[in-house]
Amino acid sequence: MKSIKLILLGISFMILGGILVLDTATSLGGAEYIIVLLGLIVSIIGFLKDDVVS
């Protein structure tokens, strides 16, 4: 279950970064792309994580 939560967290980071990239009024100096990349990395970690049920 934790892996699904990590994947969803990564997706929400990517959506936030995408909104910031498309918004013309907001300029963070390229940090928007770092937010998208961070979301992608978190999603990949969540995808690769094994959930061990005991």
C-alpha atoms as a PDB file:
ATOM      1  CA  MET A   1       0.000   0.000   0.000  1.00  0.00           C
ATOM      2  CA  LYS A   2       2.915   2.327   0.679  1.00  0.00           C
ATOM      3  CA  SER A   3       4.132   1.972  -2.903  1.00  0.00           C
ATOM      4  CA  ILE A   4       0.775   3.167  -4.226  1.00  0.00           C
ATOM      5  CA  LYS A   5       0.940   6.166  -1.931  1.00  0.00           C
ATOM      6  CA  LEU A   6       4.425   7.001  -3.225  1.00  0.00           C
ATOM      7  CA  ILE A   7       3.269   6.718  -6.827  1.00  0.00           C
ATOM      8  CA  LEU A   8       0.323   9.020  -6.136  1.00  0.00           C
ATOM      9  CA  LEU A   9       2.594  11.511  -4.367  1.00  0.00           C
ATOM     10  CA  GLY A  10       4.903  11.551  -7.380  1.00  0.00           C
ATOM     11  CA  ILE A  11       1.990  12.061  -9.751  1.00  0.00           C
ATOM     12  CA  SER A  12       0.733  14.978  -7.671  1.00  0.00           C
ATOM     13  CA  PHE A  13       4.223  16.561  -7.784  1.00  0.00           C
ATOM     14  CA  MET A  14       4.246  16.174 -11.561  1.00  0.00           C
ATOM     15  CA  ILE A  15       0.804  17.767 -11.873  1.00  0.00           C
ATOM     16  CA  LEU A  16       1.865  20.663  -9.636  1.00  0.00           C
ATOM     17  CA  GLY A  17       5.021  21.205 -11.664  1.00  0.00           C
ATOM     18  CA  GLY A  18       3.052  21.040 -14.907  1.00  0.00           C
ATOM     19  CA  ILE A  19       0.624  23.665 -13.684  1.00  0.00           C
ATOM     20  CA  LEU A  20       3.516  25.907 -12.648  1.00  0.00           C
ATOM     21  CA  VAL A  21       5.179  25.467 -16.062  1.00  0.00           C
ATOM     22  CA  LEU A  22       2.001  26.387 -17.934  1.00  0.00           C
ATOM     23  CA  ASP A  23       1.104  29.354 -15.716  1.00  0.00           C
ATOM     24  CA  THR A  24       2.502  32.478 -17.347  1.00  0.00           C
ATOM     25  CA  ALA A  25       2.148  34.632 -14.235  1.00  0.00           C
ATOM     26  CA  THR A  26       4.428  32.403 -12.163  1.00  0.00           C
ATOM     27  CA  SER A  27       8.162  32.303 -12.807  1.00  0.00           C
ATOM     28  CA  LEU A  28      10.351  30.278 -10.475  1.00  0.00           C
ATOM     29  CA  GLY A  29      13.427  30.368 -12.678  1.00  0.00           C
ATOM     30  CA  GLY A  30      13.353  26.760 -13.853  1.00  0.00           C
ATOM     31  CA  ALA A  31      12.421  25.202 -10.513  1.00  0.00           C
ATOM     32  CA  GLU A  32       9.171  24.026 -12.092  1.00  0.00           C
ATOM     33  CA  TYR A  33      11.073  21.478 -14.136  1.00  0.00           C
ATOM     34  CA  ILE A  34      12.915  20.276 -11.035  1.00  0.00           C
ATOM     35  CA  ILE A  35       9.540  19.710  -9.337  1.00  0.00           C
ATOM     36  CA  VAL A  36       8.380  17.632 -12.318  1.00  0.00           C
ATOM     37  CA  LEU A  37      11.621  15.636 -12.289  1.00  0.00           C
ATOM     38  CA  LEU A  38      11.318  15.071  -8.535  1.00  0.00           C
ATOM     39  CA  GLY A  39       7.784  13.776  -9.030  1.00  0.00           C
ATOM     40  CA  LEU A  40       8.995  11.394 -11.723  1.00  0.00           C
ATOM     41  CA  ILE A  41      11.745  10.065  -9.453  1.00  0.00           C
ATOM     42  CA  VAL A  42       9.326   9.569  -6.545  1.00  0.00           C
ATOM     43  CA  SER A  43       6.910   7.715  -8.839  1.00  0.00           C
ATOM     44  CA  ILE A  44       9.670   5.417 -10.084  1.00  0.00           C
ATOM     45  CA  ILE A  45      10.759   4.680  -6.518  1.00  0.00           C
ATOM     46  CA  GLY A  46       7.177   3.862  -5.605  1.00  0.00           C
ATOM     47  CA  PHE A  47       6.885   1.596  -8.629  1.00  0.00           C
ATOM     48  CA  LEU A  48      10.054  -0.321  -7.761  1.00  0.00           C
ATOM     49  CA  LYS A  49       9.336  -0.609  -4.023  1.00  0.00           C
ATOM     50  CA  ASP A  50       8.287  -4.041  -2.768  1.00  0.00           C
ATOM     51  CA  ASP A  51       5.452  -4.194  -0.281  1.00  0.00           C
ATOM     52  CA  VAL A  52       6.007  -7.155   2.005  1.00  0.00           C
ATOM     53  CA  VAL A  53       2.823  -8.416   3.609  1.00  0.00           C
ATOM     54  CA  SER A  54       3.487 -10.167   6.893  1.00  0.00           C
END
